[in-house]
Amino acid sequence: MAVLQQSPWYQQILEEGVKIGQQQGEKRGILSGIEIALELKFGESGKDVFSEINTPINS
């Protein structure tokens, strides 16, 4: 395992994984902020609006 961890490929894959994880975390944080803001501004109907805008569009 130690040899694998020293591999440049392993390091590159690890770095890419960390970047992707950070981006996903940022996205979740932004969505959470939007959800809270809508709920504070519009109450229960804000939750409904968030559900609609947070639903992925299937092509």
PDB file of N, CA and C in Angstrom:
ATOM      1  N   MET A   1       0.826  -1.189   0.000  1.00  0.00           N
ATOM      2  CA  MET A   1       0.000   0.000   0.000  1.00  0.00           C
ATOM      3  C   MET A   1       0.872   1.255   0.000  1.00  0.00           C
ATOM      4  N   ALA A   2       1.970   1.228   0.706  1.00  0.00           N
ATOM      5  CA  ALA A   2       2.857   2.385   0.787  1.00  0.00           C
ATOM      6  C   ALA A   2       3.420   2.731  -0.587  1.00  0.00           C
ATOM      7  N   VAL A   3       3.734   1.711  -1.372  1.00  0.00           N
ATOM      8  CA  VAL A   3       4.258   1.940  -2.718  1.00  0.00           C
ATOM      9  C   VAL A   3       3.186   2.607  -3.580  1.00  0.00           C
ATOM     10  N   LEU A   4       1.958   2.134  -3.454  1.00  0.00           N
ATOM     11  CA  LEU A   4       0.848   2.707  -4.203  1.00  0.00           C
ATOM     12  C   LEU A   4       0.642   4.176  -3.835  1.00  0.00           C
ATOM     13  N   GLN A   5       0.702   4.494  -2.561  1.00  0.00           N
ATOM     14  CA  GLN A   5       0.483   5.866  -2.102  1.00  0.00           C
ATOM     15  C   GLN A   5       1.568   6.823  -2.597  1.00  0.00           C
ATOM     16  N   GLN A   6       2.723   6.314  -2.919  1.00  0.00           N
ATOM     17  CA  GLN A   6       3.802   7.154  -3.439  1.00  0.00           C
ATOM     18  C   GLN A   6       3.711   7.344  -4.948  1.00  0.00           C
ATOM     19  N   SER A   7       2.843   6.607  -5.584  1.00  0.00           N
ATOM     20  CA  SER A   7       2.698   6.680  -7.036  1.00  0.00           C
ATOM     21  C   SER A   7       2.124   8.036  -7.452  1.00  0.00           C
ATOM     22  N   PRO A   8       2.674   8.637  -8.510  1.00  0.00           N
ATOM     23  CA  PRO A   8       2.122   9.906  -9.015  1.00  0.00           C
ATOM     24  C   PRO A   8       0.659   9.769  -9.451  1.00  0.00           C
ATOM     25  N   TRP A   9       0.295   8.627 -10.016  1.00  0.00           N
ATOM     26  CA  TRP A   9      -1.090   8.401 -10.424  1.00  0.00           C
ATOM     27  C   TRP A   9      -2.013   8.407  -9.213  1.00  0.00           C
ATOM     28  N   TYR A  10      -1.596   7.733  -8.161  1.00  0.00           N
ATOM     29  CA  TYR A  10      -2.390   7.695  -6.929  1.00  0.00           C
ATOM     30  C   TYR A  10      -2.571   9.113  -6.396  1.00  0.00           C
ATOM     31  N   GLN A  11      -1.507   9.888  -6.366  1.00  0.00           N
ATOM     32  CA  GLN A  11      -1.577  11.256  -5.856  1.00  0.00           C
ATOM     33  C   GLN A  11      -2.528  12.109  -6.706  1.00  0.00           C
ATOM     34  N   GLN A  12      -2.469  11.941  -8.016  1.00  0.00           N
ATOM     35  CA  GLN A  12      -3.336  12.697  -8.907  1.00  0.00           C
ATOM     36  C   GLN A  12      -4.802  12.318  -8.685  1.00  0.00           C
ATOM     37  N   ILE A  13      -5.071  11.030  -8.583  1.00  0.00           N
ATOM     38  CA  ILE A  13      -6.442  10.561  -8.338  1.00  0.00           C
ATOM     39  C   ILE A  13      -6.939  11.077  -6.994  1.00  0.00           C
ATOM     40  N   LEU A  14      -6.096  11.037  -5.996  1.00  0.00           N
ATOM     41  CA  LEU A  14      -6.459  11.526  -4.669  1.00  0.00           C
ATOM     42  C   LEU A  14      -6.777  13.021  -4.708  1.00  0.00           C
ATOM     43  N   GLU A  15      -5.955  13.806  -5.378  1.00  0.00           N
ATOM     44  CA  GLU A  15      -6.184  15.241  -5.484  1.00  0.00           C
ATOM     45  C   GLU A  15      -7.497  15.540  -6.203  1.00  0.00           C
ATOM     46  N   GLU A  16      -7.767  14.809  -7.279  1.00  0.00           N
ATOM     47  CA  GLU A  16      -9.019  15.003  -8.012  1.00  0.00           C
ATOM     48  C   GLU A  16     -10.214  14.643  -7.127  1.00  0.00           C
ATOM     49  N   GLY A  17     -10.096  13.597  -6.363  1.00  0.00           N
ATOM     50  CA  GLY A  17     -11.160  13.203  -5.451  1.00  0.00           C
ATOM     51  C   GLY A  17     -11.434  14.267  -4.398  1.00  0.00           C
ATOM     52  N   VAL A  18     -10.387  14.861  -3.882  1.00  0.00           N
ATOM     53  CA  VAL A  18     -10.538  15.929  -2.890  1.00  0.00           C
ATOM     54  C   VAL A  18     -11.230  17.136  -3.523  1.00  0.00           C
ATOM     55  N   LYS A  19     -10.832  17.509  -4.738  1.00  0.00           N
ATOM     56  CA  LYS A  19     -11.454  18.648  -5.432  1.00  0.00           C
ATOM     57  C   LYS A  19     -12.946  18.409  -5.646  1.00  0.00           C
ATOM     58  N   ILE A  20     -13.281  17.214  -6.102  1.00  0.00           N
ATOM     59  CA  ILE A  20     -14.683  16.882  -6.353  1.00  0.00           C
ATOM     60  C   ILE A  20     -15.471  16.928  -5.053  1.00  0.00           C
ATOM     61  N   GLY A  21     -14.904  16.405  -3.990  1.00  0.00           N
ATOM     62  CA  GLY A  21     -15.572  16.438  -2.688  1.00  0.00           C
ATOM     63  C   GLY A  21     -15.810  17.851  -2.198  1.00  0.00           C
ATOM     64  N   GLN A  22     -14.840  18.725  -2.401  1.00  0.00           N
ATOM     65  CA  GLN A  22     -14.997  20.123  -1.993  1.00  0.00           C
ATOM     66  C   GLN A  22     -16.094  20.801  -2.808  1.00  0.00           C
ATOM     67  N   GLN A  23     -16.132  20.538  -4.098  1.00  0.00           N
ATOM     68  CA  GLN A  23     -17.156  21.143  -4.951  1.00  0.00           C
ATOM     69  C   GLN A  23     -18.545  20.675  -4.546  1.00  0.00           C
ATOM     70  N   GLN A  24     -18.678  19.388  -4.237  1.00  0.00           N
ATOM     71  CA  GLN A  24     -19.970  18.861  -3.824  1.00  0.00           C
ATOM     72  C   GLN A  24     -20.392  19.452  -2.487  1.00  0.00           C
ATOM     73  N   GLY A  25     -19.433  19.630  -1.589  1.00  0.00           N
ATOM     74  CA  GLY A  25     -19.723  20.229  -0.292  1.00  0.00           C
ATOM     75  C   GLY A  25     -20.168  21.680  -0.441  1.00  0.00           C
ATOM     76  N   GLU A  26     -19.504  22.419  -1.324  1.00  0.00           N
ATOM     77  CA  GLU A  26     -19.887  23.810  -1.581  1.00  0.00           C
ATOM     78  C   GLU A  26     -21.293  23.870  -2.157  1.00  0.00           C
ATOM     79  N   LYS A  27     -21.589  22.978  -3.082  1.00  0.00           N
ATOM     80  CA  LYS A  27     -22.913  22.949  -3.704  1.00  0.00           C
ATOM     81  C   LYS A  27     -23.975  22.666  -2.648  1.00  0.00           C
ATOM     82  N   ARG A  28     -23.724  21.697  -1.780  1.00  0.00           N
ATOM     83  CA  ARG A  28     -24.692  21.379  -0.727  1.00  0.00           C
ATOM     84  C   ARG A  28     -24.897  22.565   0.201  1.00  0.00           C
ATOM     85  N   GLY A  29     -23.809  23.271   0.514  1.00  0.00           N
ATOM     86  CA  GLY A  29     -23.908  24.441   1.384  1.00  0.00           C
ATOM     87  C   GLY A  29     -24.735  25.550   0.755  1.00  0.00           C
ATOM     88  N   ILE A  30     -24.518  25.789  -0.526  1.00  0.00           N
ATOM     89  CA  ILE A  30     -25.279  26.816  -1.235  1.00  0.00           C
ATOM     90  C   ILE A  30     -26.756  26.439  -1.279  1.00  0.00           C
ATOM     91  N   LEU A  31     -27.042  25.188  -1.615  1.00  0.00           N
ATOM     92  CA  LEU A  31     -28.433  24.742  -1.665  1.00  0.00           C
ATOM     93  C   LEU A  31     -29.108  24.836  -0.297  1.00  0.00           C
ATOM     94  N   SER A  32     -28.369  24.511   0.733  1.00  0.00           N
ATOM     95  CA  SER A  32     -28.916  24.611   2.082  1.00  0.00           C
ATOM     96  C   SER A  32     -29.246  26.060   2.422  1.00  0.00           C
ATOM     97  N   GLY A  33     -28.376  26.982   2.049  1.00  0.00           N
ATOM     98  CA  GLY A  33     -28.626  28.405   2.278  1.00  0.00           C
ATOM     99  C   GLY A  33     -29.852  28.894   1.533  1.00  0.00           C
ATOM    100  N   ILE A  34     -30.018  28.461   0.300  1.00  0.00           N
ATOM    101  CA  ILE A  34     -31.188  28.838  -0.496  1.00  0.00           C
ATOM    102  C   ILE A  34     -32.453  28.291   0.155  1.00  0.00           C
ATOM    103  N   GLU A  35     -32.389  27.053   0.588  1.00  0.00           N
ATOM    104  CA  GLU A  35     -33.554  26.430   1.220  1.00  0.00           C
ATOM    105  C   GLU A  35     -33.964  27.195   2.486  1.00  0.00           C
ATOM    106  N   ILE A  36     -33.008  27.539   3.305  1.00  0.00           N
ATOM    107  CA  ILE A  36     -33.291  28.276   4.540  1.00  0.00           C
ATOM    108  C   ILE A  36     -33.868  29.656   4.220  1.00  0.00           C
ATOM    109  N   ALA A  37     -33.270  30.336   3.254  1.00  0.00           N
ATOM    110  CA  ALA A  37     -33.754  31.675   2.883  1.00  0.00           C
ATOM    111  C   ALA A  37     -35.188  31.629   2.370  1.00  0.00           C
ATOM    112  N   LEU A  38     -35.495  30.651   1.522  1.00  0.00           N
ATOM    113  CA  LEU A  38     -36.858  30.523   1.006  1.00  0.00           C
ATOM    114  C   LEU A  38     -37.843  30.213   2.126  1.00  0.00           C
ATOM    115  N   GLU A  39     -37.441  29.352   3.037  1.00  0.00           N
ATOM    116  CA  GLU A  39     -38.328  29.005   4.144  1.00  0.00           C
ATOM    117  C   GLU A  39     -38.557  30.218   5.055  1.00  0.00           C
ATOM    118  N   LEU A  40     -37.505  30.977   5.325  1.00  0.00           N
ATOM    119  CA  LEU A  40     -37.663  32.166   6.171  1.00  0.00           C
ATOM    120  C   LEU A  40     -38.544  33.217   5.498  1.00  0.00           C
ATOM    121  N   LYS A  41     -38.378  33.378   4.204  1.00  0.00           N
ATOM    122  CA  LYS A  41     -39.114  34.412   3.474  1.00  0.00           C
ATOM    123  C   LYS A  41     -40.563  34.012   3.213  1.00  0.00           C
ATOM    124  N   PHE A  42     -40.785  32.736   2.845  1.00  0.00           N
ATOM    125  CA  PHE A  42     -42.105  32.314   2.380  1.00  0.00           C
ATOM    126  C   PHE A  42     -42.756  31.223   3.232  1.00  0.00           C
ATOM    127  N   GLY A  43     -42.122  30.781   4.283  1.00  0.00           N
ATOM    128  CA  GLY A  43     -42.690  29.739   5.142  1.00  0.00           C
ATOM    129  C   GLY A  43     -42.762  28.397   4.443  1.00  0.00           C
ATOM    130  N   GLU A  44     -43.868  27.692   4.664  1.00  0.00           N
ATOM    131  CA  GLU A  44     -44.040  26.355   4.083  1.00  0.00           C
ATOM    132  C   GLU A  44     -44.019  26.374   2.560  1.00  0.00           C
ATOM    133  N   SER A  45     -44.581  27.411   1.955  1.00  0.00           N
ATOM    134  CA  SER A  45     -44.577  27.458   0.490  1.00  0.00           C
ATOM    135  C   SER A  45     -43.150  27.612  -0.047  1.00  0.00           C
ATOM    136  N   GLY A  46     -42.263  28.189   0.761  1.00  0.00           N
ATOM    137  CA  GLY A  46     -40.862  28.272   0.370  1.00  0.00           C
ATOM    138  C   GLY A  46     -40.225  26.902   0.247  1.00  0.00           C
ATOM    139  N   LYS A  47     -40.615  26.000   1.148  1.00  0.00           N
ATOM    140  CA  LYS A  47     -40.119  24.615   1.067  1.00  0.00           C
ATOM    141  C   LYS A  47     -40.576  23.954  -0.227  1.00  0.00           C
ATOM    142  N   ASP A  48     -41.837  24.218  -0.602  1.00  0.00           N
ATOM    143  CA  ASP A  48     -42.371  23.639  -1.837  1.00  0.00           C
ATOM    144  C   ASP A  48     -41.618  24.160  -3.057  1.00  0.00           C
ATOM    145  N   VAL A  49     -41.348  25.463  -3.060  1.00  0.00           N
ATOM    146  CA  VAL A  49     -40.611  26.066  -4.172  1.00  0.00           C
ATOM    147  C   VAL A  49     -39.218  25.460  -4.257  1.00  0.00           C
ATOM    148  N   PHE A  50     -38.558  25.312  -3.101  1.00  0.00           N
ATOM    149  CA  PHE A  50     -37.213  24.734  -3.109  1.00  0.00           C
ATOM    150  C   PHE A  50     -37.237  23.315  -3.654  1.00  0.00           C
ATOM    151  N   SER A  51     -38.237  22.537  -3.257  1.00  0.00           N
ATOM    152  CA  SER A  51     -38.345  21.160  -3.756  1.00  0.00           C
ATOM    153  C   SER A  51     -38.440  21.140  -5.280  1.00  0.00           C
ATOM    154  N   GLU A  52     -39.197  22.096  -5.810  1.00  0.00           N
ATOM    155  CA  GLU A  52     -39.368  22.150  -7.271  1.00  0.00           C
ATOM    156  C   GLU A  52     -38.063  22.558  -7.970  1.00  0.00           C
ATOM    157  N   ILE A  53     -37.362  23.550  -7.424  1.00  0.00           N
ATOM    158  CA  ILE A  53     -36.154  24.001  -8.113  1.00  0.00           C
ATOM    159  C   ILE A  53     -34.968  23.087  -7.867  1.00  0.00           C
ATOM    160  N   ASN A  54     -35.045  22.261  -6.839  1.00  0.00           N
ATOM    161  CA  ASN A  54     -33.936  21.367  -6.513  1.00  0.00           C
ATOM    162  C   ASN A  54     -34.099  19.993  -7.167  1.00  0.00           C
ATOM    163  N   THR A  55     -35.186  19.767  -7.876  1.00  0.00           N
ATOM    164  CA  THR A  55     -35.417  18.496  -8.547  1.00  0.00           C
ATOM    165  C   THR A  55     -34.661  18.469  -9.868  1.00  0.00           C
ATOM    166  N   PRO A  56     -33.825  17.444 -10.076  1.00  0.00           N
ATOM    167  CA  PRO A  56     -33.073  17.363 -11.343  1.00  0.00           C
ATOM    168  C   PRO A  56     -34.034  17.222 -12.530  1.00  0.00           C
ATOM    169  N   ILE A  57     -33.657  17.831 -13.636  1.00  0.00           N
ATOM    170  CA  ILE A  57     -34.448  17.737 -14.856  1.00  0.00           C
ATOM    171  C   ILE A  57     -33.982  16.504 -15.621  1.00  0.00           C
ATOM    172  N   ASN A  58     -34.917  15.620 -15.912  1.00  0.00           N
ATOM    173  CA  ASN A  58     -34.598  14.423 -16.694  1.00  0.00           C
ATOM    174  C   ASN A  58     -34.883  14.678 -18.148  1.00  0.00           C
ATOM    175  N   SER A  59     -33.888  14.480 -18.993  1.00  0.00           N
ATOM    176  CA  SER A  59     -34.060  14.717 -20.429  1.00  0.00           C
ATOM    177  C   SER A  59     -34.522  13.457 -21.102  1.00  0.00           C
TER     178      SER A  59
END
